[in-house]
Amino acid sequence: MEFFEYRNVVIETPNSAEAEAYRKLELNIQMMSIDQKTQVIQCTSATPEDGKTTTSINLAAVYAEKGKKVIILDFDMRRPKIHRAFHQPNDKGFYDYITNDVDYHELIIHDKSGIDLMLTGKHMSFPHIVLESHKTIDMVQALRNEYDYVIIDSPPILSVTDAMIISSYVDGIIYVVAYNKTKKEDAKSGLVQLQKNNSRVLGAVLANIDVRKNKVYYGYYGKYTSENKDNI
């Protein structure tokens, strides 16, 4: 299995160990939401190709499987991937909402998977400015009233400032670390930046594990605290 195929294992192989790992991820998020609502969730990583997009689409699939109304926002405007994961043309999306003032409802794709999508659309200059605009924040807030869960696929923490901006208006962050790929110092550095920004990091997902070769699940979820960051 090639990791970068963006496989939605929850849909494709629902009885697999990989799919069950994402269900455990959702359960842990639910348990952490008893005292603090977690509705808008950001998936990010320290560096590119660590597995954040795969985590985004599979977590969304778990919510859809449970009958929840869920949407994925592709806010990785420099290197968008959600359209590839769902085999959709990226000819319209967030760009049109920002630049052409198109009603965002007209830009939402109702995918056959049961997951709604908002893609990036055309390339946008200065995405960091757009992401911190009132127009963007207003849309995210409006989607809270229309969806049970909003999942934001964001750029990596160490690449650009975009992810840090997004973290300021989400309820929680899933931090993805790729097994045998993400450098330990990069993973720590990304977490430190989120911590300095007072972001709510829900936990870390260990991705890119081949269950046929390892006696561990494809993804592992554990609550992050400042005390255990050295164990990453």
Protein backbone atom coordinates (compact mmCIF):
# COMPACT_ATOMS: atom_id res chain seq x y z
CA MET A 1 0.00 0.00 0.00
CA GLU A 2 1.36 3.40 -0.98
CA PHE A 3 0.75 6.00 1.72
CA PHE A 4 0.41 8.94 -0.65
CA GLU A 5 -2.62 7.46 -2.43
CA TYR A 6 -4.80 9.23 0.16
CA ARG A 7 -6.79 6.09 0.77
CA ASN A 8 -10.03 6.42 2.67
CA VAL A 9 -9.75 3.10 4.50
CA VAL A 10 -12.89 3.74 6.57
CA ILE A 11 -14.89 3.54 3.34
CA GLU A 12 -12.75 1.19 1.26
CA THR A 13 -11.90 -1.39 3.95
CA PRO A 14 -14.28 -0.69 6.86
CA ASN A 15 -13.36 -3.87 8.74
CA SER A 16 -9.61 -3.30 8.64
CA ALA A 17 -7.33 -2.45 11.56
CA GLU A 18 -6.56 0.87 9.88
CA ALA A 19 -10.23 1.85 9.77
CA GLU A 20 -10.71 0.83 13.38
CA ALA A 21 -7.80 3.07 14.40
CA TYR A 22 -9.59 6.10 12.96
CA ARG A 23 -12.74 5.14 14.85
CA LYS A 24 -10.67 5.11 18.03
CA LEU A 25 -9.37 8.55 17.08
CA GLU A 26 -12.93 9.83 16.81
CA LEU A 27 -13.85 8.23 20.13
CA ASN A 28 -10.95 9.91 21.88
CA ILE A 29 -11.94 13.28 20.45
CA GLN A 30 -15.47 12.67 21.71
CA MET A 31 -14.23 11.84 25.20
CA MET A 32 -12.13 15.01 25.27
CA SER A 33 -15.18 17.07 24.30
CA ILE A 34 -17.18 16.38 27.45
CA ASP A 35 -16.23 19.71 29.03
CA GLN A 36 -15.14 21.63 25.95
CA LYS A 37 -16.89 21.44 22.60
CA THR A 38 -14.78 20.16 19.72
CA GLN A 39 -16.59 20.85 16.47
CA VAL A 40 -14.04 22.57 14.22
CA ILE A 41 -10.95 20.36 13.96
CA GLN A 42 -7.67 21.22 12.26
CA CYS A 43 -5.40 18.49 10.91
CA THR A 44 -1.79 19.51 10.51
CA SER A 45 1.75 18.20 10.77
CA ALA A 46 5.26 19.50 11.18
CA THR A 47 6.43 18.92 7.61
CA PRO A 48 4.87 18.05 4.22
CA GLU A 49 3.68 14.54 3.35
CA ASP A 50 3.40 13.42 6.97
CA GLY A 51 -0.18 12.16 6.57
CA LYS A 52 -2.42 15.04 7.59
CA THR A 53 -4.66 14.82 4.48
CA THR A 54 -5.14 11.08 4.91
CA THR A 55 -6.07 11.70 8.54
CA SER A 56 -8.51 14.46 7.53
CA ILE A 57 -10.43 12.34 5.03
CA ASN A 58 -10.59 9.24 7.23
CA LEU A 59 -11.72 11.14 10.32
CA ALA A 60 -14.42 12.78 8.19
CA ALA A 61 -15.45 9.33 6.95
CA VAL A 62 -15.92 8.12 10.53
CA TYR A 63 -18.24 11.05 11.26
CA ALA A 64 -20.19 10.39 8.05
CA GLU A 65 -20.40 6.70 8.96
CA LYS A 66 -22.05 7.70 12.24
CA GLY A 67 -24.63 9.80 10.42
CA LYS A 68 -23.03 13.14 11.27
CA LYS A 69 -23.05 16.04 8.84
CA VAL A 70 -19.41 16.79 8.12
CA ILE A 71 -17.46 19.03 5.75
CA ILE A 72 -13.75 19.19 4.91
CA LEU A 73 -12.28 22.61 4.13
CA ASP A 74 -9.08 22.52 2.10
CA PHE A 75 -7.17 25.45 3.54
CA ASP A 76 -3.83 24.20 2.22
CA MET A 77 -3.97 26.71 -0.58
CA ARG A 78 -0.31 26.41 -1.54
CA ARG A 79 -0.42 22.63 -2.02
CA PRO A 80 -4.09 21.52 -2.11
CA LYS A 81 -4.75 17.80 -1.97
CA ILE A 82 -8.37 17.20 -0.97
CA HIS A 83 -9.55 17.30 -4.61
CA ARG A 84 -7.06 14.54 -5.41
CA ALA A 85 -8.22 12.43 -2.48
CA PHE A 86 -11.83 12.60 -3.69
CA HIS A 87 -11.07 12.65 -7.43
CA GLN A 88 -12.78 16.00 -7.91
CA PRO A 89 -11.82 18.84 -10.27
CA ASN A 90 -10.37 21.79 -8.40
CA ASP A 91 -11.87 24.41 -10.70
CA LYS A 92 -13.91 26.28 -8.10
CA GLY A 93 -13.85 26.71 -4.36
CA PHE A 94 -12.62 28.99 -1.61
CA TYR A 95 -10.95 31.32 -4.14
CA ASP A 96 -14.35 32.16 -5.62
CA TYR A 97 -15.83 32.93 -2.20
CA ILE A 98 -12.98 35.30 -1.35
CA THR A 99 -12.29 36.90 -4.72
CA ASN A 100 -15.61 36.81 -6.56
CA ASP A 101 -17.93 36.99 -3.55
CA VAL A 102 -19.71 33.78 -4.54
CA ASP A 103 -22.07 32.39 -1.89
CA TYR A 104 -20.07 29.63 -0.20
CA HIS A 105 -23.09 27.32 -0.35
CA GLU A 106 -22.71 27.24 -4.14
CA LEU A 107 -19.12 26.07 -3.76
CA ILE A 108 -19.77 23.08 -1.48
CA ILE A 109 -19.42 19.70 -3.17
CA HIS A 110 -21.71 16.96 -1.89
CA ASP A 111 -19.50 13.93 -2.48
CA LYS A 112 -20.97 10.46 -2.92
CA SER A 113 -19.07 9.38 0.20
CA GLY A 114 -21.47 11.43 2.33
CA ILE A 115 -18.74 13.97 3.06
CA ASP A 116 -19.13 17.56 1.92
CA LEU A 117 -16.10 19.40 0.56
CA MET A 118 -14.92 22.93 -0.06
CA LEU A 119 -11.87 22.89 -2.30
CA THR A 120 -9.36 25.68 -2.81
CA GLY A 121 -10.21 26.56 -6.40
CA LYS A 122 -7.72 28.71 -8.28
CA HIS A 123 -4.34 29.64 -6.86
CA MET A 124 -4.56 32.49 -4.40
CA SER A 125 -1.80 34.99 -3.65
CA PHE A 126 -0.98 35.77 -0.03
CA PRO A 127 -3.11 32.99 1.52
CA HIS A 128 -1.96 33.91 5.03
CA ILE A 129 -3.72 37.26 4.69
CA VAL A 130 -6.88 35.61 3.39
CA LEU A 131 -6.93 33.01 6.17
CA GLU A 132 -6.90 35.60 8.94
CA SER A 133 -9.55 37.79 7.29
CA HIS A 134 -12.96 38.38 8.86
CA LYS A 135 -14.55 36.92 5.75
CA THR A 136 -12.83 33.57 6.27
CA ILE A 137 -13.56 33.47 9.99
CA ASP A 138 -17.20 34.43 9.37
CA MET A 139 -17.59 31.52 6.96
CA VAL A 140 -16.10 29.03 9.42
CA GLN A 141 -18.39 30.34 12.15
CA ALA A 142 -21.41 30.04 9.85
CA LEU A 143 -20.51 26.44 9.04
CA ARG A 144 -20.67 25.65 12.76
CA ASN A 145 -24.40 26.20 12.55
CA GLU A 146 -24.79 24.02 9.46
CA TYR A 147 -22.57 21.04 10.23
CA ASP A 148 -21.94 18.73 13.13
CA TYR A 149 -18.21 18.77 12.35
CA VAL A 150 -15.91 20.95 10.26
CA ILE A 151 -12.50 19.47 9.47
CA ILE A 152 -9.80 21.80 8.15
CA ASP A 153 -6.89 20.34 6.22
CA SER A 154 -4.15 22.91 6.77
CA PRO A 155 -0.53 23.36 5.66
CA PRO A 156 2.31 22.01 7.82
CA ILE A 157 3.35 24.06 10.83
CA LEU A 158 7.00 24.51 9.90
CA SER A 159 6.45 25.37 6.24
CA VAL A 160 4.37 28.55 6.38
CA THR A 161 2.46 30.69 8.88
CA ASP A 162 -0.93 29.56 7.56
CA ALA A 163 -1.39 26.70 10.02
CA MET A 164 -0.72 28.94 13.01
CA ILE A 165 -3.34 31.42 11.80
CA ILE A 166 -5.93 28.67 11.37
CA SER A 167 -5.19 27.29 14.84
CA SER A 168 -6.51 30.52 16.38
CA TYR A 169 -10.13 29.83 15.37
CA VAL A 170 -10.49 26.05 15.61
CA ASP A 171 -11.61 24.04 18.63
CA GLY A 172 -8.76 21.58 18.52
CA ILE A 173 -5.82 20.30 16.51
CA ILE A 174 -4.85 16.80 15.44
CA TYR A 175 -1.07 16.70 15.01
CA VAL A 176 0.12 14.06 12.55
CA VAL A 177 3.56 12.48 12.75
CA ALA A 178 4.75 10.06 10.06
CA TYR A 179 6.35 6.85 11.27
CA ASN A 180 10.00 6.57 10.17
CA LYS A 181 9.75 9.87 8.28
CA THR A 182 9.04 12.90 10.47
CA LYS A 183 12.26 13.99 12.14
CA LYS A 184 12.04 14.06 15.91
CA GLU A 185 13.34 17.62 16.13
CA ASP A 186 10.77 18.78 13.56
CA ALA A 187 7.91 17.14 15.44
CA LYS A 188 9.02 18.82 18.68
CA SER A 189 9.52 22.19 17.01
CA GLY A 190 6.02 22.14 15.53
CA LEU A 191 4.46 21.35 18.88
CA VAL A 192 6.44 24.09 20.60
CA GLN A 193 5.13 26.62 18.09
CA LEU A 194 1.54 25.52 18.68
CA GLN A 195 2.08 25.65 22.43
CA LYS A 196 3.44 29.21 22.23
CA ASN A 197 0.34 30.14 20.25
CA ASN A 198 -1.85 28.72 23.06
CA SER A 199 -3.40 26.30 20.58
CA ARG A 200 -5.45 23.38 21.84
CA VAL A 201 -3.61 20.28 20.63
CA LEU A 202 -5.90 17.30 21.12
CA GLY A 203 -3.26 14.69 20.44
CA ALA A 204 -0.96 13.11 17.90
CA VAL A 205 -1.63 10.55 15.18
CA LEU A 206 1.20 8.22 14.21
CA ALA A 207 0.69 7.65 10.50
CA ASN A 208 2.37 5.80 7.64
CA ILE A 209 2.50 2.44 9.40
CA ASP A 210 2.16 -0.74 7.34
CA VAL A 211 0.13 -3.07 9.54
CA ARG A 212 1.35 -6.04 7.54
CA LYS A 213 4.88 -5.40 8.80
CA ASN A 214 4.19 -3.87 12.20
CA LYS A 215 2.14 -5.14 15.13
CA VAL A 216 0.61 -1.73 15.64
CA TYR A 217 -2.31 0.10 14.16
CA TYR A 218 -2.05 2.49 11.22
CA GLY A 219 -2.87 5.42 13.44
CA TYR A 220 -2.41 5.96 17.15
CA TYR A 221 -4.01 8.71 19.16
CA GLY A 222 -2.67 10.04 22.42
CA LYS A 223 -3.41 13.20 24.34
CA TYR A 224 -0.61 15.75 24.08
CA THR A 225 0.65 17.63 27.09
CA SER A 226 3.74 19.73 27.60
CA GLU A 227 5.09 16.99 29.87
CA ASN A 228 5.12 14.24 27.20
CA LYS A 229 6.37 16.19 24.16
CA ASP A 230 9.87 14.77 24.66
CA ASN A 231 8.52 11.29 24.00
CA ILE A 232 7.62 12.09 20.42
